Amino acid sequence: MKTVDFYFDLMSPYAYLASIHLPDVARRFKGEANFVYHPVDLVAVRFAAGNNGPFNRNIPAKFKALIADLNRWSRRYGVPLIMPQELKSARANRGFLWARTQNHEMEYLHAAYNAVWGHGKNPDQNETLIDIAKAAGLAPDQLLRGIDEDAIVRQYEQETESAKARGVFGVPVFLVDNQIFWGNDRIEFIEEYLRDPSKAV
């Protein structure tokens, strides 16, 4: 069975877009591929890969084009997309790992992306995390404690270090065997590869 490793950060709108269709792909390849989700620190993996340039928000022309591109994708996917004012996401990312200990990771991911990009809420604020917990069927007080547990903090650091070691340079990135796929619009290439590994490049 193949393993598809999906690297994401809740601060990434393109990872949000990728997450929308990935469950459908997983259902189509049930029994043939295992999809594993990895929350990582996007800034850390980006810098480790040598991408030390300015952030998109600091390049007005690029940021304007990015917003237009995101609006096109949101219309195509039929989902809302509202840019949050702040994009600190470490606590929210760790929340996914804690939710996994409760067997609610996918409910958490859906609720988190809906809050952050569907409603434009700042990821790491307690109010946002409480809303996410409630929507995911989790106890808010337990989530707020859980994201700061030593084991969860270490696991998040390990996920990020593992991503660096595997050559992850941004998100969303998918790794299948020795193949790397980057971007929400590359999912069809993943399906193509899963159907026919001779498509490797």
C-alpha atoms as a PDB file:
ATOM      1  CA  MET A   1       0.000   0.000   0.000  1.00  0.00           C
ATOM      2  CA  LYS A   2       1.225   3.479  -0.864  1.00  0.00           C
ATOM      3  CA  THR A   3       1.518   6.223   1.732  1.00  0.00           C
ATOM      4  CA  VAL A   4       0.626   9.800   0.836  1.00  0.00           C
ATOM      5  CA  ASP A   5       2.150  12.224   3.337  1.00  0.00           C
ATOM      6  CA  PHE A   6       0.340  15.570   3.381  1.00  0.00           C
ATOM      7  CA  TYR A   7       2.249  18.476   4.936  1.00  0.00           C
ATOM      8  CA  PHE A   8       0.171  21.485   5.929  1.00  0.00           C
ATOM      9  CA  ASP A   9       0.080  24.587   8.097  1.00  0.00           C
ATOM     10  CA  LEU A  10      -3.213  26.185   9.056  1.00  0.00           C
ATOM     11  CA  MET A  11      -1.760  29.546   8.024  1.00  0.00           C
ATOM     12  CA  SER A  12      -1.709  28.430   4.373  1.00  0.00           C
ATOM     13  CA  PRO A  13      -4.789  29.147   2.239  1.00  0.00           C
ATOM     14  CA  TYR A  14      -3.534  26.746  -0.417  1.00  0.00           C
ATOM     15  CA  ALA A  15      -3.292  23.951   2.145  1.00  0.00           C
ATOM     16  CA  TYR A  16      -6.889  24.828   3.072  1.00  0.00           C
ATOM     17  CA  LEU A  17      -7.888  24.422  -0.566  1.00  0.00           C
ATOM     18  CA  ALA A  18      -5.994  21.126  -0.818  1.00  0.00           C
ATOM     19  CA  SER A  19      -7.681  19.781   2.308  1.00  0.00           C
ATOM     20  CA  ILE A  20     -11.117  20.184   0.731  1.00  0.00           C
ATOM     21  CA  HIS A  21     -10.685  17.508  -1.921  1.00  0.00           C
ATOM     22  CA  LEU A  22      -8.126  15.240  -0.244  1.00  0.00           C
ATOM     23  CA  PRO A  23     -10.716  13.189   1.695  1.00  0.00           C
ATOM     24  CA  ASP A  24     -12.464  12.375  -1.597  1.00  0.00           C
ATOM     25  CA  VAL A  25      -9.175  11.142  -3.043  1.00  0.00           C
ATOM     26  CA  ALA A  26      -8.584   9.036   0.066  1.00  0.00           C
ATOM     27  CA  ARG A  27     -12.005   7.426  -0.370  1.00  0.00           C
ATOM     28  CA  ARG A  28     -11.330   6.671  -4.031  1.00  0.00           C
ATOM     29  CA  PHE A  29      -8.054   4.961  -3.137  1.00  0.00           C
ATOM     30  CA  LYS A  30      -9.228   3.234   0.033  1.00  0.00           C
ATOM     31  CA  GLY A  31      -7.272   0.018   0.438  1.00  0.00           C
ATOM     32  CA  GLU A  32      -4.628   1.215  -2.009  1.00  0.00           C
ATOM     33  CA  ALA A  33      -3.181   4.291  -0.309  1.00  0.00           C
ATOM     34  CA  ASN A  34      -2.909   5.553   3.240  1.00  0.00           C
ATOM     35  CA  PHE A  35      -3.142   9.332   3.684  1.00  0.00           C
ATOM     36  CA  VAL A  36      -1.166  10.732   6.620  1.00  0.00           C
ATOM     37  CA  TYR A  37      -1.529  14.359   7.728  1.00  0.00           C
ATOM     38  CA  HIS A  38       1.467  16.272   9.104  1.00  0.00           C
ATOM     39  CA  PRO A  39       1.093  19.750  10.633  1.00  0.00           C
ATOM     40  CA  VAL A  40       4.338  21.695  10.323  1.00  0.00           C
ATOM     41  CA  ASP A  41       5.788  25.138  10.966  1.00  0.00           C
ATOM     42  CA  LEU A  42       5.706  26.630   7.466  1.00  0.00           C
ATOM     43  CA  VAL A  43       8.129  29.439   8.265  1.00  0.00           C
ATOM     44  CA  ALA A  44      10.669  26.989   9.707  1.00  0.00           C
ATOM     45  CA  VAL A  45      10.576  24.593   6.745  1.00  0.00           C
ATOM     46  CA  ARG A  46      10.680  27.489   4.318  1.00  0.00           C
ATOM     47  CA  PHE A  47      13.767  29.014   5.939  1.00  0.00           C
ATOM     48  CA  ALA A  48      15.451  25.608   6.245  1.00  0.00           C
ATOM     49  CA  ALA A  49      15.038  25.160   2.493  1.00  0.00           C
ATOM     50  CA  GLY A  50      16.783  28.483   1.857  1.00  0.00           C
ATOM     51  CA  ASN A  51      13.653  30.462   1.042  1.00  0.00           C
ATOM     52  CA  ASN A  52      14.487  33.511   3.133  1.00  0.00           C
ATOM     53  CA  GLY A  53      12.805  36.121   0.942  1.00  0.00           C
ATOM     54  CA  PRO A  54      10.082  38.510   2.091  1.00  0.00           C
ATOM     55  CA  PHE A  55       6.626  37.256   2.958  1.00  0.00           C
ATOM     56  CA  ASN A  56       3.847  37.639   0.402  1.00  0.00           C
ATOM     57  CA  ARG A  57       2.151  40.382   2.419  1.00  0.00           C
ATOM     58  CA  ASN A  58       5.330  42.454   2.067  1.00  0.00           C
ATOM     59  CA  ILE A  59       5.279  42.353  -1.745  1.00  0.00           C
ATOM     60  CA  PRO A  60       2.204  44.411  -2.710  1.00  0.00           C
ATOM     61  CA  ALA A  61       2.037  43.373  -6.374  1.00  0.00           C
ATOM     62  CA  LYS A  62       2.452  39.686  -5.528  1.00  0.00           C
ATOM     63  CA  PHE A  63      -0.021  39.860  -2.658  1.00  0.00           C
ATOM     64  CA  LYS A  64      -2.629  41.480  -4.909  1.00  0.00           C
ATOM     65  CA  ALA A  65      -2.193  38.686  -7.467  1.00  0.00           C
ATOM     66  CA  LEU A  66      -2.311  36.067  -4.702  1.00  0.00           C
ATOM     67  CA  ILE A  67      -5.633  37.396  -3.411  1.00  0.00           C
ATOM     68  CA  ALA A  68      -7.078  37.298  -6.925  1.00  0.00           C
ATOM     69  CA  ASP A  69      -5.823  33.742  -7.379  1.00  0.00           C
ATOM     70  CA  LEU A  70      -7.336  32.634  -4.084  1.00  0.00           C
ATOM     71  CA  ASN A  71     -10.664  34.206  -4.999  1.00  0.00           C
ATOM     72  CA  ARG A  72     -10.670  32.277  -8.272  1.00  0.00           C
ATOM     73  CA  TRP A  73      -9.959  29.010  -6.455  1.00  0.00           C
ATOM     74  CA  SER A  74     -12.614  29.656  -3.815  1.00  0.00           C
ATOM     75  CA  ARG A  75     -15.191  30.242  -6.552  1.00  0.00           C
ATOM     76  CA  ARG A  76     -14.129  27.107  -8.393  1.00  0.00           C
ATOM     77  CA  TYR A  77     -14.324  24.991  -5.238  1.00  0.00           C
ATOM     78  CA  GLY A  78     -17.506  26.687  -4.039  1.00  0.00           C
ATOM     79  CA  VAL A  79     -16.068  27.510  -0.617  1.00  0.00           C
ATOM     80  CA  PRO A  80     -15.648  30.768   1.310  1.00  0.00           C
ATOM     81  CA  LEU A  81     -12.180  32.258   1.696  1.00  0.00           C
ATOM     82  CA  ILE A  82     -11.585  35.214   4.006  1.00  0.00           C
ATOM     83  CA  MET A  83      -8.051  36.372   4.828  1.00  0.00           C
ATOM     84  CA  PRO A  84      -7.369  36.508   8.599  1.00  0.00           C
ATOM     85  CA  GLN A  85      -5.637  39.563  10.026  1.00  0.00           C
ATOM     86  CA  GLU A  86      -3.024  37.428  11.780  1.00  0.00           C
ATOM     87  CA  LEU A  87      -1.572  34.086  10.754  1.00  0.00           C
ATOM     88  CA  LYS A  88       0.285  32.795  13.798  1.00  0.00           C
ATOM     89  CA  SER A  89      -0.711  29.157  13.797  1.00  0.00           C
ATOM     90  CA  ALA A  90       1.570  27.045  16.019  1.00  0.00           C
ATOM     91  CA  ARG A  91      -1.051  26.517  18.730  1.00  0.00           C
ATOM     92  CA  ALA A  92      -3.753  25.693  16.200  1.00  0.00           C
ATOM     93  CA  ASN A  93      -1.409  23.291  14.393  1.00  0.00           C
ATOM     94  CA  ARG A  94      -0.600  21.547  17.665  1.00  0.00           C
ATOM     95  CA  GLY A  95      -4.326  21.295  18.242  1.00  0.00           C
ATOM     96  CA  PHE A  96      -4.536  18.879  15.315  1.00  0.00           C
ATOM     97  CA  LEU A  97      -2.015  16.595  17.014  1.00  0.00           C
ATOM     98  CA  TRP A  98      -3.913  16.718  20.292  1.00  0.00           C
ATOM     99  CA  ALA A  99      -7.205  16.064  18.478  1.00  0.00           C
ATOM    100  CA  ARG A 100      -5.574  12.976  16.986  1.00  0.00           C
ATOM    101  CA  THR A 101      -5.137  11.591  20.509  1.00  0.00           C
ATOM    102  CA  GLN A 102      -8.919  11.927  20.824  1.00  0.00           C
ATOM    103  CA  ASN A 103      -9.591  10.332  17.409  1.00  0.00           C
ATOM    104  CA  HIS A 104     -11.048  13.638  16.214  1.00  0.00           C
ATOM    105  CA  GLU A 105      -8.256  14.895  13.980  1.00  0.00           C
ATOM    106  CA  MET A 106     -10.301  15.154  10.780  1.00  0.00           C
ATOM    107  CA  GLU A 107     -13.188  16.861  12.555  1.00  0.00           C
ATOM    108  CA  TYR A 108     -10.654  19.255  14.035  1.00  0.00           C
ATOM    109  CA  LEU A 109      -8.983  19.963  10.698  1.00  0.00           C
ATOM    110  CA  HIS A 110     -12.294  20.692   8.993  1.00  0.00           C
ATOM    111  CA  ALA A 111     -13.415  22.947  11.847  1.00  0.00           C
ATOM    112  CA  ALA A 112     -10.058  24.729  11.996  1.00  0.00           C
ATOM    113  CA  TYR A 113      -9.879  25.502   8.300  1.00  0.00           C
ATOM    114  CA  ASN A 114     -13.516  26.599   8.334  1.00  0.00           C
ATOM    115  CA  ALA A 115     -12.804  28.993  11.200  1.00  0.00           C
ATOM    116  CA  VAL A 116      -9.527  30.364   9.839  1.00  0.00           C
ATOM    117  CA  TRP A 117     -10.214  30.591   6.114  1.00  0.00           C
ATOM    118  CA  GLY A 118     -13.974  30.208   5.971  1.00  0.00           C
ATOM    119  CA  HIS A 119     -14.560  32.968   8.536  1.00  0.00           C
ATOM    120  CA  GLY A 120     -11.214  34.797   8.672  1.00  0.00           C
ATOM    121  CA  LYS A 121     -10.511  34.101  12.351  1.00  0.00           C
ATOM    122  CA  ASN A 122      -6.988  34.399  13.734  1.00  0.00           C
ATOM    123  CA  PRO A 123      -5.731  30.804  14.245  1.00  0.00           C
ATOM    124  CA  ASP A 124      -3.979  31.019  17.599  1.00  0.00           C
ATOM    125  CA  GLN A 125      -6.443  33.135  19.552  1.00  0.00           C
ATOM    126  CA  ASN A 126      -8.192  31.353  22.399  1.00  0.00           C
ATOM    127  CA  GLU A 127     -11.594  32.418  21.071  1.00  0.00           C
ATOM    128  CA  THR A 128     -10.855  30.760  17.736  1.00  0.00           C
ATOM    129  CA  LEU A 129      -9.541  27.588  19.351  1.00  0.00           C
ATOM    130  CA  ILE A 130     -12.634  27.370  21.549  1.00  0.00           C
ATOM    131  CA  ASP A 131     -14.879  27.696  18.494  1.00  0.00           C
ATOM    132  CA  ILE A 132     -12.856  25.018  16.692  1.00  0.00           C
ATOM    133  CA  ALA A 133     -13.090  22.644  19.645  1.00  0.00           C
ATOM    134  CA  LYS A 134     -16.858  23.031  19.890  1.00  0.00           C
ATOM    135  CA  ALA A 135     -17.335  22.501  16.148  1.00  0.00           C
ATOM    136  CA  ALA A 136     -15.103  19.417  16.257  1.00  0.00           C
ATOM    137  CA  GLY A 137     -16.913  17.854  19.197  1.00  0.00           C
ATOM    138  CA  LEU A 138     -14.036  18.423  21.615  1.00  0.00           C
ATOM    139  CA  ALA A 139     -13.959  19.959  25.086  1.00  0.00           C
ATOM    140  CA  PRO A 140     -12.501  23.487  24.712  1.00  0.00           C
ATOM    141  CA  ASP A 141     -10.762  23.477  28.097  1.00  0.00           C
ATOM    142  CA  GLN A 142      -9.091  20.155  27.339  1.00  0.00           C
ATOM    143  CA  LEU A 143      -7.940  21.393  23.933  1.00  0.00           C
ATOM    144  CA  LEU A 144      -6.430  24.569  25.392  1.00  0.00           C
ATOM    145  CA  ARG A 145      -4.496  22.490  27.911  1.00  0.00           C
ATOM    146  CA  GLY A 146      -3.612  19.763  25.444  1.00  0.00           C
ATOM    147  CA  ILE A 147      -1.914  22.002  22.890  1.00  0.00           C
ATOM    148  CA  ASP A 148       0.665  22.975  25.515  1.00  0.00           C
ATOM    149  CA  GLU A 149       1.411  19.466  26.766  1.00  0.00           C
ATOM    150  CA  ASP A 150       5.115  18.668  26.474  1.00  0.00           C
ATOM    151  CA  ALA A 151       4.454  15.577  24.378  1.00  0.00           C
ATOM    152  CA  ILE A 152       2.347  17.549  21.871  1.00  0.00           C
ATOM    153  CA  VAL A 153       4.888  20.377  21.650  1.00  0.00           C
ATOM    154  CA  ARG A 154       7.685  17.866  21.033  1.00  0.00           C
ATOM    155  CA  GLN A 155       5.641  16.001  18.435  1.00  0.00           C
ATOM    156  CA  TYR A 156       5.001  19.232  16.527  1.00  0.00           C
ATOM    157  CA  GLU A 157       8.717  20.008  16.578  1.00  0.00           C
ATOM    158  CA  GLN A 158       9.465  16.476  15.361  1.00  0.00           C
ATOM    159  CA  GLU A 159       6.946  16.784  12.530  1.00  0.00           C
ATOM    160  CA  THR A 160       8.644  19.987  11.404  1.00  0.00           C
ATOM    161  CA  GLU A 161      12.151  18.529  11.646  1.00  0.00           C
ATOM    162  CA  SER A 162      11.076  15.422   9.735  1.00  0.00           C
ATOM    163  CA  ALA A 163       9.583  17.631   7.021  1.00  0.00           C
ATOM    164  CA  LYS A 164      12.860  19.527   6.707  1.00  0.00           C
ATOM    165  CA  ALA A 165      14.797  16.265   6.436  1.00  0.00           C
ATOM    166  CA  ARG A 166      12.504  15.043   3.662  1.00  0.00           C
ATOM    167  CA  GLY A 167      12.946  18.186   1.598  1.00  0.00           C
ATOM    168  CA  VAL A 168       9.617  19.855   2.322  1.00  0.00           C
ATOM    169  CA  PHE A 169      10.034  23.524   1.403  1.00  0.00           C
ATOM    170  CA  GLY A 170       6.485  24.823   1.708  1.00  0.00           C
ATOM    171  CA  VAL A 171       2.872  23.728   1.975  1.00  0.00           C
ATOM    172  CA  PRO A 172       0.784  22.072   0.784  1.00  0.00           C
ATOM    173  CA  VAL A 173       3.318  19.405  -0.102  1.00  0.00           C
ATOM    174  CA  PHE A 174       2.522  15.753  -0.731  1.00  0.00           C
ATOM    175  CA  LEU A 175       5.176  13.036  -0.685  1.00  0.00           C
ATOM    176  CA  VAL A 176       4.508   9.649  -2.259  1.00  0.00           C
ATOM    177  CA  ASP A 177       7.498   7.307  -2.531  1.00  0.00           C
ATOM    178  CA  ASN A 178      10.226   9.576  -3.926  1.00  0.00           C
ATOM    179  CA  GLN A 179       7.724  11.840  -5.672  1.00  0.00           C
ATOM    180  CA  ILE A 180       6.988  15.345  -4.417  1.00  0.00           C
ATOM    181  CA  PHE A 181       3.814  17.206  -5.346  1.00  0.00           C
ATOM    182  CA  TRP A 182       3.370  20.866  -4.416  1.00  0.00           C
ATOM    183  CA  GLY A 183       0.107  22.767  -4.460  1.00  0.00           C
ATOM    184  CA  ASN A 184      -3.628  22.231  -4.218  1.00  0.00           C
ATOM    185  CA  ASP A 185      -3.819  21.952  -8.010  1.00  0.00           C
ATOM    186  CA  ARG A 186      -1.448  18.968  -8.100  1.00  0.00           C
ATOM    187  CA  ILE A 187      -3.841  16.508  -6.503  1.00  0.00           C
ATOM    188  CA  GLU A 188      -4.821  15.088  -9.889  1.00  0.00           C
ATOM    189  CA  PHE A 189      -1.147  14.277 -10.477  1.00  0.00           C
ATOM    190  CA  ILE A 190      -1.141  12.334  -7.206  1.00  0.00           C
ATOM    191  CA  GLU A 191      -4.134  10.334  -8.386  1.00  0.00           C
ATOM    192  CA  GLU A 192      -2.424   9.716 -11.706  1.00  0.00           C
ATOM    193  CA  TYR A 193       0.691   8.436  -9.941  1.00  0.00           C
ATOM    194  CA  LEU A 194      -1.301   6.206  -7.582  1.00  0.00           C
ATOM    195  CA  ARG A 195      -3.069   4.635 -10.551  1.00  0.00           C
ATOM    196  CA  ASP A 196       0.146   4.210 -12.526  1.00  0.00           C
ATOM    197  CA  PRO A 197       3.523   4.537 -10.740  1.00  0.00           C
ATOM    198  CA  SER A 198       5.248   4.485 -14.132  1.00  0.00           C
ATOM    199  CA  LYS A 199       4.213   8.159 -14.283  1.00  0.00           C
ATOM    200  CA  ALA A 200       7.068   8.918 -11.870  1.00  0.00           C
ATOM    201  CA  VAL A 201       9.382  11.723 -12.947  1.00  0.00           C
END
